[in-house]
Amino acid sequence: MLRPRLKAPDFGEATAGLEDEIAGFLTDAMRDTTDEVKEAFRNQVRAAGLGERLPNAIRGVTYPNRAGRRSLEPTGWIYAQPSKDGRGAAAIIESYANGRMIYARGGRKFLAVPTDDCPRKRSGNALTPEEVEAKFGRKLQFISPNDKGFKTPSIRHKAVGYLVLKGLVIRKASGRWRNASERERAGNTRNPRPVQAVIMFSLVRNVKKPKSVDLAVPAALAEQRFEPNLNARWR
């Protein structure tokens, strides 16, 4: 009599293969979601007018982060790279998220807030008082807001004082300020342009940053996007 020998299936091996496949879907979906949230957060910071360097400091990493590693419980982490002093981009972004009050540091009594007439860098950030002095080769002058004889084309904001450069003329091509030449200061040109005193910085005791970054937005996006990304990977 023939008796067939039936071998029971190895459910452990089959289950292990299925778990590995599911772990791959989950890990890939988490990586997709992390990348989406990172880019959305960068765009939010960029739209707040905070330049380009700050958004680029926002990074994203998915765990497990080694090539080929998978997990049934993957995680994603969005963060801003800190500087050597522990502040850097993370502290700056947090200050714009909380609307923090800013005070002068380093023994200074006042904050120098750049005006619209202050020169800008290629990044869009205004020059510092030291950089303005280096650019024009002259020291900034302090002007009291109570000085009734001070005339300027600059828009005056409420301040305890102004840092001013006198003897400037505006470039016709670019609309930017430059030092007036000796002939321009003497008025010995055929088409004279007015020589002006320009406010580069308004001095204030403190300033409150506007709440222009919402940290709840990337968190909500992460919850919204994971399931669609998982479905896409599963298909």
Protein backbone atom coordinates (compact mmCIF):
# COMPACT_ATOMS: atom_id res chain seq x y z
CA MET A 1 0.00 0.00 0.00
CA LEU A 2 1.24 3.38 -0.95
CA ARG A 3 1.05 6.06 1.70
CA PRO A 4 1.68 9.60 0.47
CA ARG A 5 3.86 11.61 2.78
CA LEU A 6 2.48 15.10 3.23
CA LYS A 7 4.82 17.81 4.44
CA ALA A 8 3.22 20.64 6.37
CA PRO A 9 4.06 24.12 4.98
CA ASP A 10 6.62 26.19 6.84
CA PHE A 11 4.36 28.98 8.01
CA GLY A 12 7.24 30.69 9.76
CA GLU A 13 9.22 31.03 6.53
CA ALA A 14 6.17 32.16 4.56
CA THR A 15 5.24 34.70 7.20
CA ALA A 16 8.80 36.01 7.38
CA GLY A 17 8.80 36.65 3.63
CA LEU A 18 5.45 38.45 3.83
CA GLU A 19 6.60 40.57 6.76
CA ASP A 20 9.73 41.57 4.89
CA GLU A 21 7.66 42.65 1.89
CA ILE A 22 5.28 44.66 4.06
CA ALA A 23 8.23 46.24 5.87
CA GLY A 24 9.58 47.33 2.49
CA PHE A 25 6.30 49.02 1.58
CA LEU A 26 6.14 50.78 4.95
CA THR A 27 9.75 51.97 4.86
CA ASP A 28 9.48 53.25 1.29
CA ALA A 29 6.23 55.07 2.12
CA MET A 30 7.84 56.68 5.16
CA ARG A 31 10.79 57.80 3.04
CA ASP A 32 8.42 59.32 0.47
CA THR A 33 6.47 61.10 3.21
CA THR A 34 9.62 62.43 4.87
CA ASP A 35 10.84 63.88 1.57
CA GLU A 36 7.46 65.52 0.89
CA VAL A 37 7.24 67.06 4.36
CA LYS A 38 10.84 68.32 4.14
CA GLU A 39 10.18 70.09 0.83
CA ALA A 40 6.87 71.53 2.07
CA PHE A 41 8.57 72.87 5.22
CA ARG A 42 11.36 74.39 3.13
CA ASN A 43 8.80 76.09 0.91
CA GLN A 44 6.98 77.51 3.95
CA VAL A 45 10.19 79.01 5.35
CA ARG A 46 11.10 80.31 1.88
CA ALA A 47 7.65 81.90 1.47
CA ALA A 48 8.12 83.67 4.82
CA GLY A 49 10.90 85.70 3.18
CA LEU A 50 13.71 84.18 5.25
CA GLY A 51 16.15 83.77 2.36
CA GLU A 52 17.52 80.59 0.81
CA ARG A 53 20.15 79.41 3.30
CA LEU A 54 17.61 78.81 6.06
CA PRO A 55 15.32 76.53 4.00
CA ASN A 56 18.33 74.56 2.77
CA ALA A 57 19.32 73.88 6.40
CA ILE A 58 16.12 71.86 6.87
CA ARG A 59 16.92 68.17 6.47
CA GLY A 60 15.01 64.90 6.56
CA VAL A 61 16.07 61.37 7.46
CA THR A 62 14.18 58.07 7.53
CA TYR A 63 14.98 55.24 9.93
CA PRO A 64 16.24 52.64 9.25
CA ASN A 65 18.54 54.81 7.14
CA ARG A 66 20.93 52.15 5.85
CA ALA A 67 20.51 50.98 2.28
CA GLY A 68 18.43 47.84 2.04
CA ARG A 69 17.21 47.96 5.65
CA ARG A 70 13.47 47.70 6.24
CA SER A 71 11.22 47.95 9.26
CA LEU A 72 7.60 47.34 10.19
CA GLU A 73 7.82 50.51 12.30
CA PRO A 74 9.82 53.05 10.24
CA THR A 75 10.13 56.64 11.43
CA GLY A 76 10.83 59.95 9.73
CA TRP A 77 12.62 62.93 11.25
CA ILE A 78 12.57 66.50 9.95
CA TYR A 79 15.10 68.82 11.57
CA ALA A 80 17.12 71.99 11.04
CA GLN A 81 20.88 71.73 11.26
CA PRO A 82 22.27 73.50 14.33
CA SER A 83 25.40 75.63 14.19
CA LYS A 84 28.47 75.13 16.38
CA ASP A 85 26.96 77.33 19.12
CA GLY A 86 23.85 75.14 19.22
CA ARG A 87 21.59 77.84 17.74
CA GLY A 88 21.69 78.14 14.00
CA ALA A 89 18.70 77.46 11.77
CA ALA A 90 16.65 75.63 14.41
CA ALA A 91 16.68 78.61 16.79
CA ILE A 92 15.91 81.08 14.00
CA ILE A 93 12.95 79.05 12.73
CA GLU A 94 11.64 78.60 16.27
CA SER A 95 11.80 82.36 16.86
CA TYR A 96 9.64 82.98 13.77
CA ALA A 97 7.24 80.24 14.86
CA ASN A 98 6.78 81.71 18.35
CA GLY A 99 6.90 85.42 17.50
CA ARG A 100 9.76 85.91 19.94
CA MET A 101 10.83 89.32 21.27
CA ILE A 102 14.38 90.17 20.19
CA TYR A 103 16.71 92.31 22.30
CA ALA A 104 20.18 93.65 21.63
CA ARG A 105 23.03 91.42 22.76
CA GLY A 106 26.75 91.73 23.29
CA GLY A 107 26.54 94.76 25.55
CA ARG A 108 24.62 96.84 22.99
CA LYS A 109 21.63 98.88 24.07
CA PHE A 110 19.82 99.00 20.74
CA LEU A 111 19.02 96.85 17.73
CA ALA A 112 19.94 98.23 14.31
CA VAL A 113 17.01 97.42 12.02
CA PRO A 114 17.86 97.87 8.31
CA THR A 115 15.65 100.22 6.30
CA ASP A 116 14.57 99.77 2.69
CA ASP A 117 17.55 101.94 1.68
CA CYS A 118 20.09 99.61 3.25
CA PRO A 119 22.07 97.63 0.62
CA ARG A 120 21.30 93.95 0.27
CA LYS A 121 23.36 90.86 -0.37
CA ARG A 122 22.65 88.44 -3.21
CA SER A 123 20.81 86.26 -0.71
CA GLY A 124 18.41 89.14 -0.06
CA ASN A 125 19.61 89.77 3.50
CA ALA A 126 20.52 93.33 4.44
CA LEU A 127 24.09 94.29 5.23
CA THR A 128 25.09 94.80 8.85
CA PRO A 129 26.20 98.25 10.08
CA GLU A 130 29.83 97.10 9.87
CA GLU A 131 29.33 95.86 6.30
CA VAL A 132 27.67 99.13 5.27
CA GLU A 133 30.62 101.12 6.63
CA ALA A 134 33.03 98.86 4.77
CA LYS A 135 31.05 99.19 1.54
CA PHE A 136 30.97 102.99 1.58
CA GLY A 137 34.31 103.50 3.34
CA ARG A 138 32.81 105.80 5.97
CA LYS A 139 31.36 105.65 9.46
CA LEU A 140 27.63 105.75 10.03
CA GLN A 141 26.40 108.84 11.88
CA PHE A 142 23.90 108.80 14.72
CA ILE A 143 20.94 111.13 14.20
CA SER A 144 18.39 111.84 16.91
CA PRO A 145 14.71 111.59 15.89
CA ASN A 146 14.28 115.03 17.50
CA ASP A 147 16.76 116.63 15.08
CA LYS A 148 14.40 118.92 13.17
CA GLY A 149 17.13 120.06 10.79
CA PHE A 150 17.74 116.55 9.48
CA LYS A 151 16.29 116.02 6.00
CA THR A 152 16.19 112.66 4.27
CA PRO A 153 14.35 110.88 1.45
CA SER A 154 14.21 107.74 3.63
CA ILE A 155 10.98 106.64 5.27
CA ARG A 156 11.20 107.27 9.00
CA HIS A 157 9.91 104.66 11.40
CA LYS A 158 9.44 105.07 15.12
CA ALA A 159 12.89 104.68 16.67
CA VAL A 160 15.19 106.04 19.37
CA GLY A 161 17.70 107.08 16.72
CA TYR A 162 18.98 106.53 13.20
CA LEU A 163 22.27 105.46 11.66
CA VAL A 164 22.80 107.64 8.62
CA LEU A 165 25.19 108.05 5.72
CA LYS A 166 25.41 111.56 4.30
CA GLY A 167 26.71 112.58 0.89
CA LEU A 168 25.01 109.91 -1.23
CA VAL A 169 23.47 110.05 -4.67
CA ILE A 170 21.27 107.47 -6.30
CA ARG A 171 22.39 105.52 -9.36
CA LYS A 172 20.14 106.04 -12.35
CA ALA A 173 20.51 102.50 -13.69
CA SER A 174 20.09 100.44 -10.53
CA GLY A 175 18.35 102.86 -8.17
CA ARG A 176 20.96 102.08 -5.48
CA TRP A 177 22.86 104.58 -3.38
CA ARG A 178 26.54 105.40 -3.91
CA ASN A 179 29.02 107.95 -2.58
CA ALA A 180 28.74 111.32 -4.30
CA SER A 181 31.82 112.49 -6.20
CA GLU A 182 33.61 115.73 -5.29
CA ARG A 183 32.05 117.46 -8.30
CA GLU A 184 28.58 116.24 -7.29
CA ARG A 185 29.06 117.46 -3.73
CA ALA A 186 30.20 120.83 -5.09
CA GLY A 187 27.31 120.98 -7.56
CA ASN A 188 29.66 121.32 -10.54
CA THR A 189 27.93 118.84 -12.84
CA ARG A 190 25.81 119.55 -15.91
CA ASN A 191 22.88 117.45 -14.68
CA PRO A 192 23.20 117.60 -10.89
CA ARG A 193 21.54 114.97 -8.77
CA PRO A 194 20.59 115.78 -5.19
CA VAL A 195 23.15 114.76 -2.60
CA GLN A 196 21.22 113.07 0.18
CA ALA A 197 21.49 111.92 3.78
CA VAL A 198 20.11 108.36 3.85
CA ILE A 199 18.87 106.36 6.83
CA MET A 200 20.46 102.92 6.72
CA PHE A 201 19.29 101.64 10.13
CA SER A 202 16.63 102.51 12.68
CA LEU A 203 17.72 101.98 16.28
CA VAL A 204 15.14 100.33 18.55
CA ARG A 205 15.23 98.79 22.02
CA ASN A 206 13.55 95.58 20.92
CA VAL A 207 11.57 94.10 18.07
CA LYS A 208 9.01 91.30 17.97
CA LYS A 209 9.35 88.85 15.13
CA PRO A 210 6.09 88.08 13.31
CA LYS A 211 4.70 84.54 13.51
CA SER A 212 5.46 83.63 9.92
CA VAL A 213 6.25 79.91 10.34
CA ASP A 214 3.69 77.35 11.52
CA LEU A 215 5.28 74.17 12.88
CA ALA A 216 1.89 72.42 12.95
CA VAL A 217 1.71 72.44 9.15
CA PRO A 218 4.48 69.88 8.47
CA ALA A 219 3.20 67.68 11.31
CA ALA A 220 -0.31 67.64 9.83
CA LEU A 221 1.05 66.99 6.35
CA ALA A 222 2.99 63.96 7.61
CA GLU A 223 -0.23 62.41 8.94
CA GLN A 224 -2.11 63.18 5.73
CA ARG A 225 0.45 61.87 3.26
CA PHE A 226 1.65 58.60 4.80
CA GLU A 227 -1.45 56.53 3.97
CA PRO A 228 -1.65 57.68 0.30
CA ASN A 229 2.08 57.03 -0.10
CA LEU A 230 1.66 53.56 1.41
CA ASN A 231 -1.22 52.78 -0.96
CA ALA A 232 0.89 53.93 -3.90
CA ARG A 233 3.77 51.70 -2.85
CA TRP A 234 1.44 48.76 -2.22
CA ARG A 235 0.10 48.97 -5.75
